[in-house]
């Protein structure tokens, strides 16, 4: 029974993406699976709080766009990191359901 419930949960997940901000202040989509429309990608870039210099860092943002829920967590990269050119990154999840606790 548990395996069936987990299988249902994975079907509710639509995609995952990675956005990075580099030391030059450029914000780029570096990876997503499966693909996302350019319209959804540009919306999520705006929502991830890395593109606007005046905004505070929001560690967790969620919302809905055309019946697709999105969840974005943004993290500042510590100076000691192996990612020398990356200052921040955001992980983006898209899903069919609304469940920010998960």
C-alpha atoms as a PDB file:
ATOM      1  CA  UNK A   1       0.000   0.000   0.000  1.00  0.00           C
ATOM      2  CA  UNK A   2       2.827   2.410   0.812  1.00  0.00           C
ATOM      3  CA  UNK A   3       4.517   1.853  -2.575  1.00  0.00           C
ATOM      4  CA  UNK A   4       1.274   2.706  -4.370  1.00  0.00           C
ATOM      5  CA  UNK A   5       0.950   5.952  -2.401  1.00  0.00           C
ATOM      6  CA  UNK A   6       4.542   6.909  -3.257  1.00  0.00           C
ATOM      7  CA  UNK A   7       3.910   6.198  -6.940  1.00  0.00           C
ATOM      8  CA  UNK A   8       0.949   8.577  -6.872  1.00  0.00           C
ATOM      9  CA  UNK A   9       3.074  11.272  -5.183  1.00  0.00           C
ATOM     10  CA  UNK A  10       5.761  11.098  -7.858  1.00  0.00           C
ATOM     11  CA  UNK A  11       3.160  11.558 -10.598  1.00  0.00           C
ATOM     12  CA  UNK A  12       2.066  14.826  -8.985  1.00  0.00           C
ATOM     13  CA  UNK A  13       5.579  16.237  -9.459  1.00  0.00           C
ATOM     14  CA  UNK A  14       5.921  17.921 -12.855  1.00  0.00           C
ATOM     15  CA  UNK A  15       9.487  19.167 -12.978  1.00  0.00           C
ATOM     16  CA  UNK A  16      12.588  20.469 -11.271  1.00  0.00           C
ATOM     17  CA  UNK A  17      14.897  23.312 -12.204  1.00  0.00           C
ATOM     18  CA  UNK A  18      18.066  25.060 -11.077  1.00  0.00           C
ATOM     19  CA  UNK A  19      18.734  28.804 -11.332  1.00  0.00           C
ATOM     20  CA  UNK A  20      22.108  30.315 -10.455  1.00  0.00           C
ATOM     21  CA  UNK A  21      23.320  33.855  -9.832  1.00  0.00           C
ATOM     22  CA  UNK A  22      27.020  34.406 -10.538  1.00  0.00           C
ATOM     23  CA  UNK A  23      29.584  36.887  -9.220  1.00  0.00           C
ATOM     24  CA  UNK A  24      28.805  39.216 -12.181  1.00  0.00           C
ATOM     25  CA  UNK A  25      25.169  39.425 -11.019  1.00  0.00           C
ATOM     26  CA  UNK A  26      23.886  37.380 -13.972  1.00  0.00           C
ATOM     27  CA  UNK A  27      20.964  35.051 -13.270  1.00  0.00           C
ATOM     28  CA  UNK A  28      20.683  31.982 -15.501  1.00  0.00           C
ATOM     29  CA  UNK A  29      18.607  28.842 -15.835  1.00  0.00           C
ATOM     30  CA  UNK A  30      21.308  26.189 -15.684  1.00  0.00           C
ATOM     31  CA  UNK A  31      19.203  23.027 -15.693  1.00  0.00           C
ATOM     32  CA  UNK A  32      15.662  21.738 -15.717  1.00  0.00           C
ATOM     33  CA  UNK A  33      13.985  18.381 -16.168  1.00  0.00           C
ATOM     34  CA  UNK A  34      11.882  17.791 -18.059  1.00  0.00           C
ATOM     35  CA  UNK A  35      11.736  20.933 -20.177  1.00  0.00           C
ATOM     36  CA  UNK A  36       9.606  23.928 -19.160  1.00  0.00           C
ATOM     37  CA  UNK A  37       8.037  26.495 -21.451  1.00  0.00           C
ATOM     38  CA  UNK A  38       9.966  29.734 -21.871  1.00  0.00           C
ATOM     39  CA  UNK A  39       6.970  31.598 -20.427  1.00  0.00           C
ATOM     40  CA  UNK A  40       7.053  29.500 -17.241  1.00  0.00           C
ATOM     41  CA  UNK A  41      10.850  29.798 -17.016  1.00  0.00           C
ATOM     42  CA  UNK A  42      10.743  33.603 -17.268  1.00  0.00           C
ATOM     43  CA  UNK A  43       7.969  33.780 -14.635  1.00  0.00           C
ATOM     44  CA  UNK A  44       9.988  31.589 -12.255  1.00  0.00           C
ATOM     45  CA  UNK A  45      13.113  33.683 -12.876  1.00  0.00           C
ATOM     46  CA  UNK A  46      11.171  36.753 -11.724  1.00  0.00           C
ATOM     47  CA  UNK A  47       9.713  34.928  -8.712  1.00  0.00           C
ATOM     48  CA  UNK A  48      13.022  33.481  -7.472  1.00  0.00           C
ATOM     49  CA  UNK A  49      14.126  36.918  -6.117  1.00  0.00           C
ATOM     50  CA  UNK A  50      17.631  36.683  -7.636  1.00  0.00           C
ATOM     51  CA  UNK A  51      16.994  39.016 -10.574  1.00  0.00           C
ATOM     52  CA  UNK A  52      16.012  42.135  -8.593  1.00  0.00           C
ATOM     53  CA  UNK A  53      18.892  43.706  -6.652  1.00  0.00           C
ATOM     54  CA  UNK A  54      16.562  45.603  -4.307  1.00  0.00           C
ATOM     55  CA  UNK A  55      14.672  42.573  -3.081  1.00  0.00           C
ATOM     56  CA  UNK A  56      15.512  40.721   0.075  1.00  0.00           C
ATOM     57  CA  UNK A  57      16.456  37.079  -0.213  1.00  0.00           C
ATOM     58  CA  UNK A  58      13.291  34.999   0.167  1.00  0.00           C
ATOM     59  CA  UNK A  59      14.281  31.482   1.265  1.00  0.00           C
ATOM     60  CA  UNK A  60      10.939  29.974   0.185  1.00  0.00           C
ATOM     61  CA  UNK A  61       8.360  31.190  -2.326  1.00  0.00           C
ATOM     62  CA  UNK A  62       5.374  29.373  -3.781  1.00  0.00           C
ATOM     63  CA  UNK A  63       2.500  30.180  -6.090  1.00  0.00           C
ATOM     64  CA  UNK A  64       0.390  28.992  -8.990  1.00  0.00           C
ATOM     65  CA  UNK A  65       0.550  29.668 -12.717  1.00  0.00           C
ATOM     66  CA  UNK A  66      -2.016  28.176 -15.113  1.00  0.00           C
ATOM     67  CA  UNK A  67      -2.922  25.368 -12.694  1.00  0.00           C
ATOM     68  CA  UNK A  68       0.738  24.501 -12.086  1.00  0.00           C
ATOM     69  CA  UNK A  69       2.026  25.035  -8.563  1.00  0.00           C
ATOM     70  CA  UNK A  70       5.625  26.155  -8.143  1.00  0.00           C
ATOM     71  CA  UNK A  71       7.876  26.040  -5.108  1.00  0.00           C
ATOM     72  CA  UNK A  72      11.191  27.905  -5.049  1.00  0.00           C
ATOM     73  CA  UNK A  73      13.865  27.726  -2.387  1.00  0.00           C
ATOM     74  CA  UNK A  74      16.807  30.129  -2.680  1.00  0.00           C
ATOM     75  CA  UNK A  75      20.122  29.755  -0.900  1.00  0.00           C
ATOM     76  CA  UNK A  76      23.169  31.994  -0.623  1.00  0.00           C
ATOM     77  CA  UNK A  77      26.378  30.115  -1.402  1.00  0.00           C
ATOM     78  CA  UNK A  78      28.956  30.400   1.406  1.00  0.00           C
ATOM     79  CA  UNK A  79      32.336  31.918   0.511  1.00  0.00           C
ATOM     80  CA  UNK A  80      34.064  28.645   1.334  1.00  0.00           C
ATOM     81  CA  UNK A  81      32.052  26.799  -1.331  1.00  0.00           C
ATOM     82  CA  UNK A  82      33.636  24.985  -4.274  1.00  0.00           C
ATOM     83  CA  UNK A  83      31.274  27.027  -6.485  1.00  0.00           C
ATOM     84  CA  UNK A  84      33.624  30.022  -6.783  1.00  0.00           C
ATOM     85  CA  UNK A  85      31.594  31.902  -9.430  1.00  0.00           C
ATOM     86  CA  UNK A  86      28.127  31.254  -7.961  1.00  0.00           C
ATOM     87  CA  UNK A  87      26.756  33.555  -5.230  1.00  0.00           C
ATOM     88  CA  UNK A  88      23.182  32.168  -4.943  1.00  0.00           C
ATOM     89  CA  UNK A  89      21.066  29.405  -6.375  1.00  0.00           C
ATOM     90  CA  UNK A  90      17.371  28.578  -6.482  1.00  0.00           C
ATOM     91  CA  UNK A  91      15.827  25.132  -6.735  1.00  0.00           C
ATOM     92  CA  UNK A  92      12.446  25.169  -8.455  1.00  0.00           C
ATOM     93  CA  UNK A  93       9.828  22.416  -8.221  1.00  0.00           C
ATOM     94  CA  UNK A  94       6.630  22.377 -10.244  1.00  0.00           C
ATOM     95  CA  UNK A  95       3.708  20.186  -9.245  1.00  0.00           C
ATOM     96  CA  UNK A  96       0.033  19.533  -9.897  1.00  0.00           C
ATOM     97  CA  UNK A  97      -0.875  19.842  -6.235  1.00  0.00           C
ATOM     98  CA  UNK A  98      -0.561  22.432  -3.483  1.00  0.00           C
ATOM     99  CA  UNK A  99       1.394  21.142  -0.531  1.00  0.00           C
ATOM    100  CA  UNK A 100       4.133  23.563   0.659  1.00  0.00           C
ATOM    101  CA  UNK A 101       4.748  21.499   3.810  1.00  0.00           C
ATOM    102  CA  UNK A 102       6.299  18.735   1.693  1.00  0.00           C
END
